[in-house]
Amino acid sequence: MSTKRVRPETPEKQGILALDTVSAKSDRLICFREVHTLIGSACKTGHTARSLAARGLIRAVRINERVVRYSEHSVLALVSGKVAA
């Protein structure tokens, strides 16, 4: 008795286009060091990123009680001027 393994079809094979948007790719979680790199700050602590998040200018995501990451999309929106500082 032989069983044949069947792979599930990919969305492209089913005729469905894979959803591949720029915003979905670029909205990853970054640490405060990357936030400082993107905004051009020379600060070495997380205080600037934390205060930007407290003011609602960037989106903060709590991983646990000590670790906070920030949305890259919200930081890029701040840098491009879409969010008033």
N, C-alpha and C. Protein backbone atom coordinates (compact mmCIF):
# COMPACT_ATOMS: atom_id res chain seq x y z
N MET A 1 0.83 -1.16 0.00
CA MET A 1 0.00 0.00 0.00
C MET A 1 0.89 1.24 0.00
N SER A 2 0.83 1.98 -1.05
CA SER A 2 1.64 3.18 -1.14
C SER A 2 0.74 4.41 -1.11
N THR A 3 1.15 5.35 -0.31
CA THR A 3 0.40 6.60 -0.26
C THR A 3 1.21 7.67 -0.95
N LYS A 4 0.53 8.45 -1.71
CA LYS A 4 1.18 9.50 -2.47
C LYS A 4 1.00 10.83 -1.75
N ARG A 5 2.11 11.48 -1.50
CA ARG A 5 2.04 12.79 -0.85
C ARG A 5 1.68 13.85 -1.89
N VAL A 6 0.75 14.67 -1.55
CA VAL A 6 0.32 15.74 -2.45
C VAL A 6 0.63 17.06 -1.77
N ARG A 7 1.37 17.90 -2.47
CA ARG A 7 1.68 19.23 -1.94
C ARG A 7 0.49 20.15 -2.19
N PRO A 8 0.20 21.00 -1.24
CA PRO A 8 -0.87 21.97 -1.50
C PRO A 8 -0.43 22.96 -2.57
N GLU A 9 -1.38 23.37 -3.38
CA GLU A 9 -1.05 24.29 -4.47
C GLU A 9 -0.80 25.69 -3.91
N THR A 10 0.15 26.35 -4.52
CA THR A 10 0.44 27.73 -4.13
C THR A 10 -0.64 28.63 -4.69
N PRO A 11 -0.81 29.83 -4.14
CA PRO A 11 -1.84 30.74 -4.65
C PRO A 11 -1.66 31.07 -6.12
N GLU A 12 -0.42 31.12 -6.61
CA GLU A 12 -0.19 31.43 -8.01
C GLU A 12 -0.71 30.32 -8.91
N LYS A 13 -0.57 29.07 -8.46
CA LYS A 13 -1.06 27.93 -9.25
C LYS A 13 -2.57 27.86 -9.23
N GLN A 14 -3.20 28.37 -8.19
CA GLN A 14 -4.64 28.36 -8.11
C GLN A 14 -5.26 29.50 -8.91
N GLY A 15 -4.44 30.38 -9.43
CA GLY A 15 -4.96 31.51 -10.19
C GLY A 15 -5.22 32.73 -9.34
N ILE A 16 -4.79 32.67 -8.11
CA ILE A 16 -4.95 33.81 -7.20
C ILE A 16 -3.61 34.50 -7.09
N LEU A 17 -3.60 35.79 -7.29
CA LEU A 17 -2.35 36.54 -7.16
C LEU A 17 -2.01 36.69 -5.69
N ALA A 18 -0.76 36.49 -5.38
CA ALA A 18 -0.31 36.65 -4.00
C ALA A 18 -0.31 38.13 -3.65
N LEU A 19 -0.82 38.45 -2.48
CA LEU A 19 -0.87 39.83 -2.02
C LEU A 19 0.52 40.25 -1.59
N ASP A 20 1.09 41.18 -2.32
CA ASP A 20 2.46 41.58 -2.07
C ASP A 20 2.52 43.09 -2.12
N THR A 21 2.21 43.76 -1.02
CA THR A 21 2.20 45.21 -1.01
C THR A 21 3.44 45.74 -0.34
N VAL A 22 3.78 46.96 -0.67
CA VAL A 22 4.96 47.59 -0.10
C VAL A 22 4.75 47.84 1.39
N SER A 23 3.57 48.26 1.78
CA SER A 23 3.34 48.57 3.19
C SER A 23 3.41 47.32 4.06
N ALA A 24 2.97 46.20 3.53
CA ALA A 24 3.04 44.96 4.31
C ALA A 24 4.49 44.52 4.49
N LYS A 25 5.31 44.73 3.47
CA LYS A 25 6.71 44.35 3.58
C LYS A 25 7.47 45.27 4.52
N SER A 26 7.20 46.56 4.44
CA SER A 26 8.01 47.51 5.20
C SER A 26 7.53 47.69 6.63
N ASP A 27 6.38 47.16 6.99
CA ASP A 27 5.90 47.33 8.35
C ASP A 27 6.41 46.20 9.22
N ARG A 28 7.68 46.28 9.54
CA ARG A 28 8.27 45.30 10.43
C ARG A 28 8.60 45.99 11.74
N LEU A 29 8.87 45.23 12.75
CA LEU A 29 9.17 45.78 14.06
C LEU A 29 10.67 46.02 14.17
N ILE A 30 11.03 47.22 14.59
CA ILE A 30 12.44 47.59 14.70
C ILE A 30 12.73 48.05 16.12
N CYS A 31 14.00 47.97 16.52
CA CYS A 31 14.39 48.40 17.86
C CYS A 31 14.67 49.91 17.86
N PHE A 32 14.93 50.45 19.04
CA PHE A 32 15.12 51.90 19.15
C PHE A 32 16.37 52.36 18.41
N ARG A 33 17.37 51.50 18.28
CA ARG A 33 18.58 51.89 17.55
C ARG A 33 18.28 52.14 16.07
N GLU A 34 17.43 51.30 15.49
CA GLU A 34 17.05 51.50 14.10
C GLU A 34 16.16 52.73 13.94
N VAL A 35 15.34 53.03 14.96
CA VAL A 35 14.54 54.25 14.93
C VAL A 35 15.46 55.46 14.87
N HIS A 36 16.50 55.46 15.69
CA HIS A 36 17.44 56.58 15.70
C HIS A 36 18.18 56.70 14.38
N THR A 37 18.51 55.58 13.77
CA THR A 37 19.17 55.62 12.46
C THR A 37 18.26 56.24 11.42
N LEU A 38 16.99 55.88 11.43
CA LEU A 38 16.05 56.39 10.43
C LEU A 38 15.74 57.87 10.62
N ILE A 39 15.66 58.33 11.88
CA ILE A 39 15.35 59.74 12.09
C ILE A 39 16.59 60.62 12.14
N GLY A 40 17.75 60.00 12.14
CA GLY A 40 18.99 60.78 12.11
C GLY A 40 19.45 61.27 13.47
N SER A 41 19.08 60.57 14.52
CA SER A 41 19.45 60.95 15.87
C SER A 41 20.76 60.26 16.27
N ALA A 42 21.51 60.91 17.15
CA ALA A 42 22.77 60.32 17.62
C ALA A 42 22.61 59.77 19.03
N CYS A 43 21.40 59.71 19.54
CA CYS A 43 21.14 59.23 20.90
C CYS A 43 21.41 57.73 20.99
N LYS A 44 21.92 57.30 22.13
CA LYS A 44 22.25 55.89 22.30
C LYS A 44 21.30 55.16 23.24
N THR A 45 20.27 55.86 23.72
CA THR A 45 19.28 55.22 24.59
C THR A 45 17.92 55.22 23.91
N GLY A 46 16.97 54.55 24.52
CA GLY A 46 15.65 54.43 23.94
C GLY A 46 14.69 55.54 24.34
N HIS A 47 15.19 56.57 25.01
CA HIS A 47 14.30 57.62 25.52
C HIS A 47 13.61 58.40 24.40
N THR A 48 14.31 58.70 23.34
CA THR A 48 13.72 59.47 22.24
C THR A 48 12.61 58.68 21.57
N ALA A 49 12.87 57.43 21.27
CA ALA A 49 11.85 56.59 20.62
C ALA A 49 10.65 56.41 21.55
N ARG A 50 10.91 56.24 22.84
CA ARG A 50 9.82 56.08 23.79
C ARG A 50 8.97 57.35 23.89
N SER A 51 9.61 58.51 23.86
CA SER A 51 8.83 59.75 23.95
C SER A 51 8.05 60.01 22.66
N LEU A 52 8.61 59.63 21.51
CA LEU A 52 7.86 59.75 20.26
C LEU A 52 6.63 58.85 20.27
N ALA A 53 6.77 57.67 20.84
CA ALA A 53 5.64 56.75 20.94
C ALA A 53 4.61 57.27 21.94
N ALA A 54 5.07 57.87 23.03
CA ALA A 54 4.15 58.41 24.04
C ALA A 54 3.34 59.57 23.49
N ARG A 55 3.94 60.34 22.58
CA ARG A 55 3.23 61.45 21.95
C ARG A 55 2.35 61.00 20.79
N GLY A 56 2.42 59.71 20.44
CA GLY A 56 1.57 59.18 19.38
C GLY A 56 2.12 59.39 17.99
N LEU A 57 3.40 59.73 17.88
CA LEU A 57 3.99 60.00 16.57
C LEU A 57 4.46 58.72 15.88
N ILE A 58 4.85 57.72 16.66
CA ILE A 58 5.19 56.41 16.11
C ILE A 58 4.45 55.36 16.92
N ARG A 59 4.30 54.17 16.35
CA ARG A 59 3.55 53.10 17.00
C ARG A 59 4.50 52.17 17.73
N ALA A 60 4.27 51.98 19.01
CA ALA A 60 5.08 51.09 19.84
C ALA A 60 4.33 49.78 20.04
N VAL A 61 5.07 48.67 19.99
CA VAL A 61 4.51 47.35 20.22
C VAL A 61 5.30 46.71 21.35
N ARG A 62 4.60 46.34 22.41
CA ARG A 62 5.24 45.69 23.55
C ARG A 62 5.35 44.20 23.31
N ILE A 63 6.58 43.71 23.31
CA ILE A 63 6.82 42.28 23.17
C ILE A 63 6.60 41.59 24.52
N ASN A 64 7.18 42.15 25.55
CA ASN A 64 6.91 41.71 26.93
C ASN A 64 7.02 42.94 27.82
N GLU A 65 7.12 42.77 29.11
CA GLU A 65 7.12 43.93 29.99
C GLU A 65 8.36 44.81 29.87
N ARG A 66 9.45 44.26 29.33
CA ARG A 66 10.69 45.03 29.20
C ARG A 66 11.05 45.41 27.77
N VAL A 67 10.57 44.67 26.79
CA VAL A 67 11.00 44.85 25.41
C VAL A 67 9.92 45.58 24.61
N VAL A 68 10.32 46.67 23.98
CA VAL A 68 9.42 47.46 23.14
C VAL A 68 10.04 47.55 21.75
N ARG A 69 9.24 47.29 20.74
CA ARG A 69 9.67 47.47 19.35
C ARG A 69 8.76 48.50 18.71
N TYR A 70 9.22 49.07 17.62
CA TYR A 70 8.49 50.15 16.97
C TYR A 70 8.21 49.78 15.53
N SER A 71 7.09 50.27 15.02
CA SER A 71 6.68 49.99 13.65
C SER A 71 7.54 50.81 12.68
N GLU A 72 8.19 50.12 11.77
CA GLU A 72 9.04 50.82 10.80
C GLU A 72 8.20 51.73 9.90
N HIS A 73 7.00 51.30 9.57
CA HIS A 73 6.12 52.10 8.71
C HIS A 73 5.77 53.43 9.38
N SER A 74 5.50 53.42 10.68
CA SER A 74 5.16 54.66 11.38
C SER A 74 6.37 55.59 11.49
N VAL A 75 7.56 55.02 11.64
CA VAL A 75 8.78 55.85 11.70
C VAL A 75 9.05 56.49 10.34
N LEU A 76 8.88 55.72 9.28
CA LEU A 76 9.08 56.27 7.93
C LEU A 76 8.05 57.34 7.60
N ALA A 77 6.83 57.18 8.11
CA ALA A 77 5.81 58.21 7.93
C ALA A 77 6.19 59.49 8.66
N LEU A 78 6.79 59.36 9.84
CA LEU A 78 7.26 60.53 10.59
C LEU A 78 8.39 61.23 9.85
N VAL A 79 9.31 60.47 9.31
CA VAL A 79 10.45 61.04 8.60
C VAL A 79 10.01 61.73 7.31
N SER A 80 9.05 61.15 6.60
CA SER A 80 8.61 61.72 5.33
C SER A 80 7.71 62.93 5.51
N GLY A 81 7.28 63.20 6.74
CA GLY A 81 6.47 64.38 7.01
C GLY A 81 4.99 64.13 6.97
N LYS A 82 4.56 62.88 6.89
CA LYS A 82 3.14 62.56 6.87
C LYS A 82 2.53 62.72 8.25
N VAL A 83 3.36 62.69 9.28
CA VAL A 83 2.90 62.87 10.66
C VAL A 83 3.50 64.18 11.16
N ALA A 84 2.64 65.05 11.67
CA ALA A 84 3.12 66.34 12.17
C ALA A 84 3.79 66.15 13.52
N ALA A 85 5.01 66.62 13.65
CA ALA A 85 5.77 66.45 14.89
C ALA A 85 5.51 67.50 15.88
